Amino acid sequence: MAEFEIRRITAEETIPLRHPILRAGLPRETSIFPGDEAETSRHFGAFRDGQLVGVATIHFVPLLDRPDFDPAYQLRGMATAPEVRGSGAGRALVEACVEAARAAGAQWIWCNARTPAAGFYARYGFQTTGGIFEIPTAGPHVRMLRAL
């Protein structure tokens, strides 16, 4: 398994991976998410040999349909370069996000996972909490939740 250095990055630094992987064919602005610049948001990069090969963000946002599950962080904007998929970059990013949310006092972390990625999140303790829904710019998703 390849080794990755995970470190905090800026919201702007996530865009070179977020845009082509998560918003391919859409304007660059669609890769900038509400809350990216919030004081409580955290952005992480996975680096291999000095190259940014993965990104993930957590936002302090209550679980949309369960406001009683508070405090909670939403994991979003997770993207890894195709050449590193399956080599541990995604795992390392999820672990960094979970630890950061826990350190911030969150009780939960949740995400809207693209349906093909649901199995990935399930391997790291996330459970599906509802049915499939459509995000117009990103396709079918499921909401997933993990207690911290």
C-alpha atoms as a PDB file:
ATOM      1  CA  MET A   1       0.000   0.000   0.000  1.00  0.00           C
ATOM      2  CA  ALA A   2       1.308   3.421  -0.928  1.00  0.00           C
ATOM      3  CA  GLU A   3       2.084   5.935   1.788  1.00  0.00           C
ATOM      4  CA  PHE A   4       0.307   9.255   1.734  1.00  0.00           C
ATOM      5  CA  GLU A   5       0.925  12.430   3.655  1.00  0.00           C
ATOM      6  CA  ILE A   6      -2.372  13.928   4.793  1.00  0.00           C
ATOM      7  CA  ARG A   7      -2.358  17.606   5.653  1.00  0.00           C
ATOM      8  CA  ARG A   8      -4.695  20.578   5.889  1.00  0.00           C
ATOM      9  CA  ILE A   9      -5.103  22.586   2.703  1.00  0.00           C
ATOM     10  CA  THR A  10      -7.232  25.554   1.671  1.00  0.00           C
ATOM     11  CA  ALA A  11     -10.603  25.374  -0.022  1.00  0.00           C
ATOM     12  CA  GLU A  12      -9.021  26.757  -3.187  1.00  0.00           C
ATOM     13  CA  GLU A  13      -6.445  23.954  -3.207  1.00  0.00           C
ATOM     14  CA  THR A  14      -9.233  21.353  -3.424  1.00  0.00           C
ATOM     15  CA  ILE A  15     -10.552  22.679  -6.738  1.00  0.00           C
ATOM     16  CA  PRO A  16      -7.941  21.140  -9.109  1.00  0.00           C
ATOM     17  CA  LEU A  17      -9.183  17.671  -8.085  1.00  0.00           C
ATOM     18  CA  ARG A  18     -12.788  18.452  -7.147  1.00  0.00           C
ATOM     19  CA  HIS A  19     -13.592  20.083 -10.455  1.00  0.00           C
ATOM     20  CA  PRO A  20     -12.496  17.442 -12.998  1.00  0.00           C
ATOM     21  CA  ILE A  21     -13.520  14.476 -10.839  1.00  0.00           C
ATOM     22  CA  LEU A  22     -16.747  15.625  -9.191  1.00  0.00           C
ATOM     23  CA  ARG A  23     -17.979  18.328 -11.553  1.00  0.00           C
ATOM     24  CA  ALA A  24     -16.589  17.285 -14.946  1.00  0.00           C
ATOM     25  CA  GLY A  25     -18.131  19.301 -17.757  1.00  0.00           C
ATOM     26  CA  LEU A  26     -19.628  21.880 -15.397  1.00  0.00           C
ATOM     27  CA  PRO A  27     -18.352  25.383 -14.684  1.00  0.00           C
ATOM     28  CA  ARG A  28     -15.464  25.623 -12.208  1.00  0.00           C
ATOM     29  CA  GLU A  29     -17.700  27.555  -9.778  1.00  0.00           C
ATOM     30  CA  THR A  30     -19.771  24.400  -9.199  1.00  0.00           C
ATOM     31  CA  SER A  31     -16.717  22.984  -7.386  1.00  0.00           C
ATOM     32  CA  ILE A  32     -16.953  25.686  -4.718  1.00  0.00           C
ATOM     33  CA  PHE A  33     -19.329  24.492  -2.017  1.00  0.00           C
ATOM     34  CA  PRO A  34     -21.391  26.545   0.431  1.00  0.00           C
ATOM     35  CA  GLY A  35     -19.473  26.594   3.680  1.00  0.00           C
ATOM     36  CA  ASP A  36     -16.037  26.048   2.148  1.00  0.00           C
ATOM     37  CA  GLU A  37     -14.757  29.244   3.760  1.00  0.00           C
ATOM     38  CA  ALA A  38     -16.498  28.760   7.118  1.00  0.00           C
ATOM     39  CA  GLU A  39     -14.257  28.886  10.171  1.00  0.00           C
ATOM     40  CA  THR A  40     -15.406  25.389  11.180  1.00  0.00           C
ATOM     41  CA  SER A  41     -14.719  23.776   7.788  1.00  0.00           C
ATOM     42  CA  ARG A  42     -11.602  21.680   7.288  1.00  0.00           C
ATOM     43  CA  HIS A  43     -10.008  20.704   3.991  1.00  0.00           C
ATOM     44  CA  PHE A  44      -7.520  17.874   3.671  1.00  0.00           C
ATOM     45  CA  GLY A  45      -5.153  16.844   0.926  1.00  0.00           C
ATOM     46  CA  ALA A  46      -3.489  13.500   0.343  1.00  0.00           C
ATOM     47  CA  PHE A  47       0.002  13.930  -1.070  1.00  0.00           C
ATOM     48  CA  ARG A  48       2.266  11.333  -2.641  1.00  0.00           C
ATOM     49  CA  ASP A  49       5.766  12.369  -3.635  1.00  0.00           C
ATOM     50  CA  GLY A  50       4.750  16.001  -3.125  1.00  0.00           C
ATOM     51  CA  GLN A  51       1.788  15.748  -5.532  1.00  0.00           C
ATOM     52  CA  LEU A  52      -1.785  16.387  -4.420  1.00  0.00           C
ATOM     53  CA  VAL A  53      -3.644  13.170  -5.291  1.00  0.00           C
ATOM     54  CA  GLY A  54      -6.747  13.356  -3.099  1.00  0.00           C
ATOM     55  CA  VAL A  55      -8.963  15.873  -1.326  1.00  0.00           C
ATOM     56  CA  ALA A  56     -11.788  15.836   1.202  1.00  0.00           C
ATOM     57  CA  THR A  57     -13.674  18.462   3.175  1.00  0.00           C
ATOM     58  CA  ILE A  58     -15.749  18.462   6.339  1.00  0.00           C
ATOM     59  CA  HIS A  59     -18.360  21.105   7.105  1.00  0.00           C
ATOM     60  CA  PHE A  60     -20.073  21.629  10.453  1.00  0.00           C
ATOM     61  CA  VAL A  61     -23.636  20.901   9.293  1.00  0.00           C
ATOM     62  CA  PRO A  62     -26.414  19.070  11.156  1.00  0.00           C
ATOM     63  CA  LEU A  63     -27.668  15.918   9.486  1.00  0.00           C
ATOM     64  CA  LEU A  64     -30.388  17.328   7.260  1.00  0.00           C
ATOM     65  CA  ASP A  65     -33.229  15.000   8.217  1.00  0.00           C
ATOM     66  CA  ARG A  66     -32.040  14.428  11.817  1.00  0.00           C
ATOM     67  CA  PRO A  67     -31.279  17.776  13.488  1.00  0.00           C
ATOM     68  CA  ASP A  68     -31.240  15.904  16.816  1.00  0.00           C
ATOM     69  CA  PHE A  69     -28.016  14.252  15.602  1.00  0.00           C
ATOM     70  CA  ASP A  70     -25.980  17.265  16.566  1.00  0.00           C
ATOM     71  CA  PRO A  71     -23.152  18.179  16.613  1.00  0.00           C
ATOM     72  CA  ALA A  72     -22.364  16.674  13.221  1.00  0.00           C
ATOM     73  CA  TYR A  73     -19.958  17.221  10.364  1.00  0.00           C
ATOM     74  CA  GLN A  74     -20.694  16.558   6.714  1.00  0.00           C
ATOM     75  CA  LEU A  75     -17.951  14.913   4.673  1.00  0.00           C
ATOM     76  CA  ARG A  76     -18.080  16.158   1.102  1.00  0.00           C
ATOM     77  CA  GLY A  77     -15.973  16.948  -1.917  1.00  0.00           C
ATOM     78  CA  MET A  78     -13.991  13.726  -1.607  1.00  0.00           C
ATOM     79  CA  ALA A  79     -12.013  13.073  -4.766  1.00  0.00           C
ATOM     80  CA  THR A  80      -8.945  11.007  -5.572  1.00  0.00           C
ATOM     81  CA  ALA A  81      -6.877  11.022  -8.726  1.00  0.00           C
ATOM     82  CA  PRO A  82      -7.630   7.947 -10.861  1.00  0.00           C
ATOM     83  CA  GLU A  83      -4.041   6.714 -10.658  1.00  0.00           C
ATOM     84  CA  VAL A  84      -4.175   6.320  -6.858  1.00  0.00           C
ATOM     85  CA  ARG A  85      -7.620   4.786  -6.444  1.00  0.00           C
ATOM     86  CA  GLY A  86      -7.474   1.610  -4.426  1.00  0.00           C
ATOM     87  CA  SER A  87      -4.076   2.454  -2.931  1.00  0.00           C
ATOM     88  CA  GLY A  88      -5.172   3.931   0.420  1.00  0.00           C
ATOM     89  CA  ALA A  89      -5.496   7.661  -0.308  1.00  0.00           C
ATOM     90  CA  GLY A  90      -9.261   7.629   0.218  1.00  0.00           C
ATOM     91  CA  ARG A  91      -8.955   5.630   3.428  1.00  0.00           C
ATOM     92  CA  ALA A  92      -6.343   8.059   4.762  1.00  0.00           C
ATOM     93  CA  LEU A  93      -8.559  11.037   3.918  1.00  0.00           C
ATOM     94  CA  VAL A  94     -11.624   9.513   5.604  1.00  0.00           C
ATOM     95  CA  GLU A  95      -9.551   8.774   8.715  1.00  0.00           C
ATOM     96  CA  ALA A  96      -8.280  12.374   8.806  1.00  0.00           C
ATOM     97  CA  CYS A  97     -11.827  13.722   8.438  1.00  0.00           C
ATOM     98  CA  VAL A  98     -13.177  11.424  11.151  1.00  0.00           C
ATOM     99  CA  GLU A  99     -10.403  12.422  13.545  1.00  0.00           C
ATOM    100  CA  ALA A 100     -10.875  16.138  12.835  1.00  0.00           C
ATOM    101  CA  ALA A 101     -14.642  15.903  13.381  1.00  0.00           C
ATOM    102  CA  ARG A 102     -14.108  13.958  16.608  1.00  0.00           C
ATOM    103  CA  ALA A 103     -11.510  16.483  17.815  1.00  0.00           C
ATOM    104  CA  ALA A 104     -13.996  19.298  17.114  1.00  0.00           C
ATOM    105  CA  GLY A 105     -16.513  17.614  19.415  1.00  0.00           C
ATOM    106  CA  ALA A 106     -18.821  16.139  16.778  1.00  0.00           C
ATOM    107  CA  GLN A 107     -20.870  13.084  17.639  1.00  0.00           C
ATOM    108  CA  TRP A 108     -21.574  12.179  14.013  1.00  0.00           C
ATOM    109  CA  ILE A 109     -20.104  12.412  10.545  1.00  0.00           C
ATOM    110  CA  TRP A 110     -22.303  12.010   7.480  1.00  0.00           C
ATOM    111  CA  CYS A 111     -22.132  12.254   3.730  1.00  0.00           C
ATOM    112  CA  ASN A 112     -24.186  12.122   0.579  1.00  0.00           C
ATOM    113  CA  ALA A 113     -22.370   9.301  -1.196  1.00  0.00           C
ATOM    114  CA  ARG A 114     -22.588   8.692  -4.898  1.00  0.00           C
ATOM    115  CA  THR A 115     -24.189   5.278  -5.215  1.00  0.00           C
ATOM    116  CA  PRO A 116     -21.057   3.643  -6.714  1.00  0.00           C
ATOM    117  CA  ALA A 117     -19.046   4.914  -3.698  1.00  0.00           C
ATOM    118  CA  ALA A 118     -21.438   3.670  -0.970  1.00  0.00           C
ATOM    119  CA  GLY A 119     -19.472   0.438  -0.515  1.00  0.00           C
ATOM    120  CA  PHE A 120     -16.284   2.434   0.047  1.00  0.00           C
ATOM    121  CA  TYR A 121     -17.874   4.446   2.874  1.00  0.00           C
ATOM    122  CA  ALA A 122     -19.486   1.327   4.352  1.00  0.00           C
ATOM    123  CA  ARG A 123     -16.012  -0.220   4.759  1.00  0.00           C
ATOM    124  CA  TYR A 124     -15.157   2.678   7.067  1.00  0.00           C
ATOM    125  CA  GLY A 125     -18.196   2.417   9.327  1.00  0.00           C
ATOM    126  CA  PHE A 126     -20.752   4.569   7.493  1.00  0.00           C
ATOM    127  CA  GLN A 127     -24.298   3.205   7.299  1.00  0.00           C
ATOM    128  CA  THR A 128     -26.941   4.093   4.723  1.00  0.00           C
ATOM    129  CA  THR A 129     -29.806   6.003   6.342  1.00  0.00           C
ATOM    130  CA  GLY A 130     -32.355   6.191   3.533  1.00  0.00           C
ATOM    131  CA  GLY A 131     -33.092   5.524  -0.081  1.00  0.00           C
ATOM    132  CA  ILE A 132     -31.468   6.721  -3.275  1.00  0.00           C
ATOM    133  CA  PHE A 133     -31.970  10.359  -4.227  1.00  0.00           C
ATOM    134  CA  GLU A 134     -30.770  12.477  -7.119  1.00  0.00           C
ATOM    135  CA  ILE A 135     -28.427  15.452  -6.911  1.00  0.00           C
ATOM    136  CA  PRO A 136     -28.987  17.222 -10.254  1.00  0.00           C
ATOM    137  CA  THR A 137     -25.319  18.041 -10.940  1.00  0.00           C
ATOM    138  CA  ALA A 138     -23.912  14.791  -9.547  1.00  0.00           C
ATOM    139  CA  GLY A 139     -26.336  11.890 -10.060  1.00  0.00           C
ATOM    140  CA  PRO A 140     -27.792   9.278  -7.686  1.00  0.00           C
ATOM    141  CA  HIS A 141     -26.701   9.363  -4.039  1.00  0.00           C
ATOM    142  CA  VAL A 142     -27.447   7.798  -0.664  1.00  0.00           C
ATOM    143  CA  ARG A 143     -27.100   9.482   2.712  1.00  0.00           C
ATOM    144  CA  MET A 144     -24.637   7.717   5.008  1.00  0.00           C
ATOM    145  CA  LEU A 145     -23.912   8.263   8.691  1.00  0.00           C
ATOM    146  CA  ARG A 146     -21.238   7.206  11.180  1.00  0.00           C
ATOM    147  CA  ALA A 147     -21.244   7.693  14.937  1.00  0.00           C
ATOM    148  CA  LEU A 148     -17.982   9.044  16.343  1.00  0.00           C
END
